[in-house]
Amino acid sequence: MISVAIIEDDDDIRQGLAILIQGSHGFSCEHAYRDCECAIPEIIADPPEVLLMDIELPGMSGIAGVQKLKAKLPALDIIMLTVHQEEAMIFDALCAGASGYLVKTTQPAKLLDAIKEVHEGGSPMSPSIARLVVQSFQSNSLSLVLTRREKEILAQLCKGMSYKMIAGFFSISSGTVHSHLKNIYKKLHVNSQAAAVAKAFQERLV
């Protein structure tokens, strides 16, 4: 039996989730709250195994709530259940300690599967959320493959500097700049200065 608690300020959604979970074999839901202020002291005193948490709540946000709860209950599995699909919010929630991130349109059966998954050590995410995470990881990976000097040169290139100006700025030869740029183009999978600049801005490398 997996014990689940809910923090959700929409009365209909909160009650619907509680009924779904309580009425499903292998799950129990004895506590459902409308805000973090009421929920956190009770959850710390009597923690569930899995917590479903909204982000946009009255008073303390769900992300702040995750931080407070994980500080006291590091083993608590928290799944964000929200309408928000903004990249920054997703990563704020995951960095705060959430183990999963689902949109509220998730089908009931998939929600129950996600609760099982997180209880077994997984990190369930809605497909659209997982895609954003992968895309961001891939973008950040591009930044990681560039050396410090390559990033510095790419940054100056994005400011409109010529090869000669970049060489003077770093007190290196134009040949060295050319060599660095050749490596940058190869790593970014581009063939021109314009394409390198465009990709640098698109992937937020500078």
Protein backbone atom coordinates (compact mmCIF):
# COMPACT_ATOMS: atom_id res chain seq x y z
CA MET A 1 0.00 0.00 0.00
CA ILE A 2 1.50 3.32 -1.10
CA SER A 3 0.48 6.24 1.09
CA VAL A 4 -0.06 9.46 -0.86
CA ALA A 5 -0.72 13.04 0.23
CA ILE A 6 -1.84 15.95 -1.94
CA ILE A 7 -1.25 19.70 -1.88
CA GLU A 8 -3.61 21.35 -4.39
CA ASP A 9 -5.60 24.55 -3.95
CA ASP A 10 -8.33 23.76 -6.50
CA ASP A 11 -11.04 22.04 -4.45
CA ASP A 12 -12.45 19.97 -7.32
CA ILE A 13 -9.04 18.74 -8.47
CA ARG A 14 -7.91 18.00 -4.92
CA GLN A 15 -11.05 16.03 -4.11
CA GLY A 16 -10.96 14.21 -7.44
CA LEU A 17 -7.36 13.14 -6.90
CA ALA A 18 -8.07 11.98 -3.37
CA ILE A 19 -11.05 9.90 -4.52
CA LEU A 20 -9.03 8.39 -7.39
CA ILE A 21 -6.10 7.42 -5.20
CA GLN A 22 -8.11 6.24 -2.20
CA GLY A 23 -10.33 4.15 -4.46
CA SER A 24 -7.48 2.44 -6.31
CA HIS A 25 -6.07 -0.89 -5.18
CA GLY A 26 -2.64 -0.58 -3.58
CA PHE A 27 -2.95 3.15 -2.77
CA SER A 28 -4.19 5.21 0.14
CA CYS A 29 -4.78 8.95 0.47
CA GLU A 30 -5.70 10.13 3.93
CA HIS A 31 -4.47 13.71 3.71
CA ALA A 32 -5.13 16.42 1.12
CA TYR A 33 -4.27 20.07 1.70
CA ARG A 34 -4.96 23.34 -0.11
CA ASP A 35 -1.70 25.11 0.82
CA CYS A 36 1.84 24.46 2.02
CA GLU A 37 1.42 26.40 5.26
CA CYS A 38 -1.15 23.91 6.54
CA ALA A 39 0.44 20.87 4.92
CA ILE A 40 4.11 21.09 5.84
CA PRO A 41 3.87 20.71 9.66
CA GLU A 42 1.51 17.74 9.32
CA ILE A 43 3.54 16.07 6.58
CA ILE A 44 6.74 16.42 8.63
CA ALA A 45 4.97 14.91 11.63
CA ASP A 46 3.39 12.07 9.64
CA PRO A 47 5.04 11.78 6.20
CA PRO A 48 3.41 9.93 3.31
CA GLU A 49 5.50 7.88 0.90
CA VAL A 50 4.59 10.04 -2.09
CA LEU A 51 3.40 13.65 -2.26
CA LEU A 52 1.58 15.22 -5.21
CA MET A 53 2.31 18.95 -5.22
CA ASP A 54 0.93 21.82 -7.28
CA ILE A 55 3.26 24.74 -8.04
CA GLU A 56 0.98 27.76 -8.05
CA LEU A 57 -0.50 27.77 -4.56
CA PRO A 58 -1.88 30.50 -2.28
CA GLY A 59 0.91 31.78 -0.05
CA MET A 60 4.04 29.65 -0.31
CA SER A 61 4.71 28.27 -3.79
CA GLY A 62 4.98 24.57 -4.44
CA ILE A 63 8.67 24.92 -5.32
CA ALA A 64 9.40 26.62 -1.98
CA GLY A 65 7.34 23.90 -0.32
CA VAL A 66 9.47 21.21 -1.94
CA GLN A 67 12.63 22.86 -0.62
CA LYS A 68 11.29 23.01 2.93
CA LEU A 69 10.01 19.45 2.92
CA LYS A 70 13.14 17.94 1.38
CA ALA A 71 15.26 19.72 3.99
CA LYS A 72 13.35 17.86 6.70
CA LEU A 73 12.39 14.70 4.79
CA PRO A 74 15.10 13.98 2.19
CA ALA A 75 13.62 10.55 1.40
CA LEU A 76 10.15 11.92 0.59
CA ASP A 77 9.20 11.39 -3.06
CA ILE A 78 7.47 14.47 -4.49
CA ILE A 79 5.77 14.65 -7.88
CA MET A 80 4.88 18.09 -9.19
CA LEU A 81 1.39 18.02 -10.73
CA THR A 82 0.80 21.32 -12.48
CA VAL A 83 -0.34 23.18 -15.59
CA HIS A 84 3.05 24.91 -15.88
CA GLN A 85 5.39 23.69 -18.61
CA GLU A 86 7.91 26.55 -18.64
CA GLU A 87 11.50 25.32 -18.75
CA ALA A 88 12.65 27.53 -15.87
CA MET A 89 9.85 26.33 -13.60
CA ILE A 90 10.50 22.68 -14.43
CA PHE A 91 14.17 22.96 -13.54
CA ASP A 92 13.49 25.02 -10.42
CA ALA A 93 11.19 22.26 -9.21
CA LEU A 94 13.62 19.46 -10.04
CA CYS A 95 16.54 21.33 -8.48
CA ALA A 96 14.46 21.94 -5.36
CA GLY A 97 14.16 18.18 -4.95
CA ALA A 98 11.08 17.02 -6.87
CA SER A 99 11.41 13.47 -8.19
CA GLY A 100 8.85 13.80 -10.98
CA TYR A 101 6.92 16.37 -13.00
CA LEU A 102 3.48 15.75 -14.53
CA VAL A 103 0.97 17.99 -16.24
CA LYS A 104 -2.57 18.03 -14.87
CA THR A 105 -3.95 16.56 -18.08
CA THR A 106 -2.23 13.26 -17.22
CA GLN A 107 -4.71 10.39 -17.47
CA PRO A 108 -5.71 8.78 -14.13
CA ALA A 109 -4.13 5.42 -14.98
CA LYS A 110 -0.85 7.11 -15.95
CA LEU A 111 -0.92 9.15 -12.75
CA LEU A 112 -1.22 5.98 -10.68
CA ASP A 113 1.60 4.42 -12.72
CA ALA A 114 3.73 7.51 -12.02
CA ILE A 115 3.12 7.19 -8.28
CA LYS A 116 4.24 3.55 -8.47
CA GLU A 117 7.25 4.52 -10.56
CA VAL A 118 8.49 7.21 -8.18
CA HIS A 119 7.90 4.89 -5.20
CA GLU A 120 10.14 2.33 -6.91
CA GLY A 121 12.92 4.88 -7.43
CA GLY A 122 11.99 6.30 -10.83
CA SER A 123 11.50 9.88 -12.00
CA PRO A 124 8.20 10.02 -13.90
CA MET A 125 7.65 12.90 -16.31
CA SER A 126 4.99 13.76 -18.84
CA PRO A 127 6.32 13.24 -22.40
CA SER A 128 6.35 16.98 -23.15
CA ILE A 129 8.30 17.66 -19.96
CA ALA A 130 10.80 14.89 -20.66
CA ARG A 131 11.41 16.35 -24.12
CA LEU A 132 12.18 19.78 -22.64
CA VAL A 133 14.60 18.22 -20.15
CA VAL A 134 16.39 16.31 -22.92
CA GLN A 135 16.58 19.38 -25.17
CA SER A 136 18.01 21.48 -22.36
CA PHE A 137 20.54 18.79 -21.51
CA GLN A 138 21.62 18.60 -25.12
CA SER A 139 21.97 22.38 -25.32
CA ASN A 140 24.01 22.50 -22.13
CA SER A 141 26.14 19.62 -23.41
CA LEU A 142 27.23 21.79 -26.33
CA SER A 143 28.53 24.33 -23.86
CA LEU A 144 30.41 21.66 -21.94
CA VAL A 145 32.34 20.44 -25.00
CA LEU A 146 33.81 23.89 -25.68
CA THR A 147 37.02 24.80 -23.88
CA ARG A 148 37.22 27.99 -21.81
CA ARG A 149 39.18 29.79 -24.54
CA GLU A 150 36.76 28.59 -27.23
CA LYS A 151 33.85 30.00 -25.23
CA GLU A 152 35.72 33.29 -24.81
CA ILE A 153 36.43 33.55 -28.53
CA LEU A 154 32.86 32.61 -29.42
CA ALA A 155 31.61 35.33 -27.09
CA GLN A 156 33.74 37.96 -28.86
CA LEU A 157 32.60 36.65 -32.23
CA CYS A 158 29.01 37.18 -31.11
CA LYS A 159 29.89 40.79 -30.29
CA GLY A 160 30.83 41.33 -33.93
CA MET A 161 34.61 41.22 -33.58
CA SER A 162 36.72 40.23 -36.59
CA TYR A 163 39.44 37.54 -36.46
CA LYS A 164 42.08 40.31 -36.23
CA MET A 165 40.24 42.11 -33.44
CA ILE A 166 39.84 38.87 -31.48
CA ALA A 167 43.55 38.13 -31.91
CA GLY A 168 44.43 41.58 -30.57
CA PHE A 169 41.96 41.29 -27.70
CA PHE A 170 43.52 38.05 -26.46
CA SER A 171 47.09 38.87 -27.59
CA ILE A 172 47.27 35.77 -29.76
CA SER A 173 47.96 35.28 -33.47
CA SER A 174 45.27 35.32 -36.15
CA GLY A 175 46.31 31.75 -36.96
CA THR A 176 45.53 30.69 -33.40
CA VAL A 177 42.12 32.37 -33.60
CA HIS A 178 41.45 30.58 -36.88
CA SER A 179 42.44 27.25 -35.29
CA HIS A 180 40.10 27.85 -32.34
CA LEU A 181 37.24 28.82 -34.63
CA LYS A 182 37.78 25.71 -36.74
CA ASN A 183 37.37 23.61 -33.59
CA ILE A 184 34.31 25.64 -32.54
CA TYR A 185 32.63 25.11 -35.93
CA LYS A 186 33.32 21.38 -35.74
CA LYS A 187 31.91 21.03 -32.22
CA LEU A 188 28.81 23.10 -33.00
CA HIS A 189 28.29 21.30 -36.32
CA VAL A 190 28.29 24.54 -38.34
CA ASN A 191 30.27 25.78 -41.33
CA SER A 192 30.34 29.55 -41.02
CA GLN A 193 30.78 32.44 -38.63
CA ALA A 194 27.13 33.46 -39.02
CA ALA A 195 25.93 29.95 -38.24
CA ALA A 196 28.21 29.75 -35.18
CA VAL A 197 26.86 33.04 -33.86
CA ALA A 198 23.26 31.97 -34.51
CA LYS A 199 23.77 28.66 -32.72
CA ALA A 200 25.53 30.33 -29.82
CA PHE A 201 22.51 32.54 -29.21
CA GLN A 202 19.97 29.80 -29.92
CA GLU A 203 21.62 27.36 -27.51
CA ARG A 204 22.51 30.08 -25.00
CA LEU A 205 26.20 29.23 -25.10
CA VAL A 206 27.24 32.84 -24.43
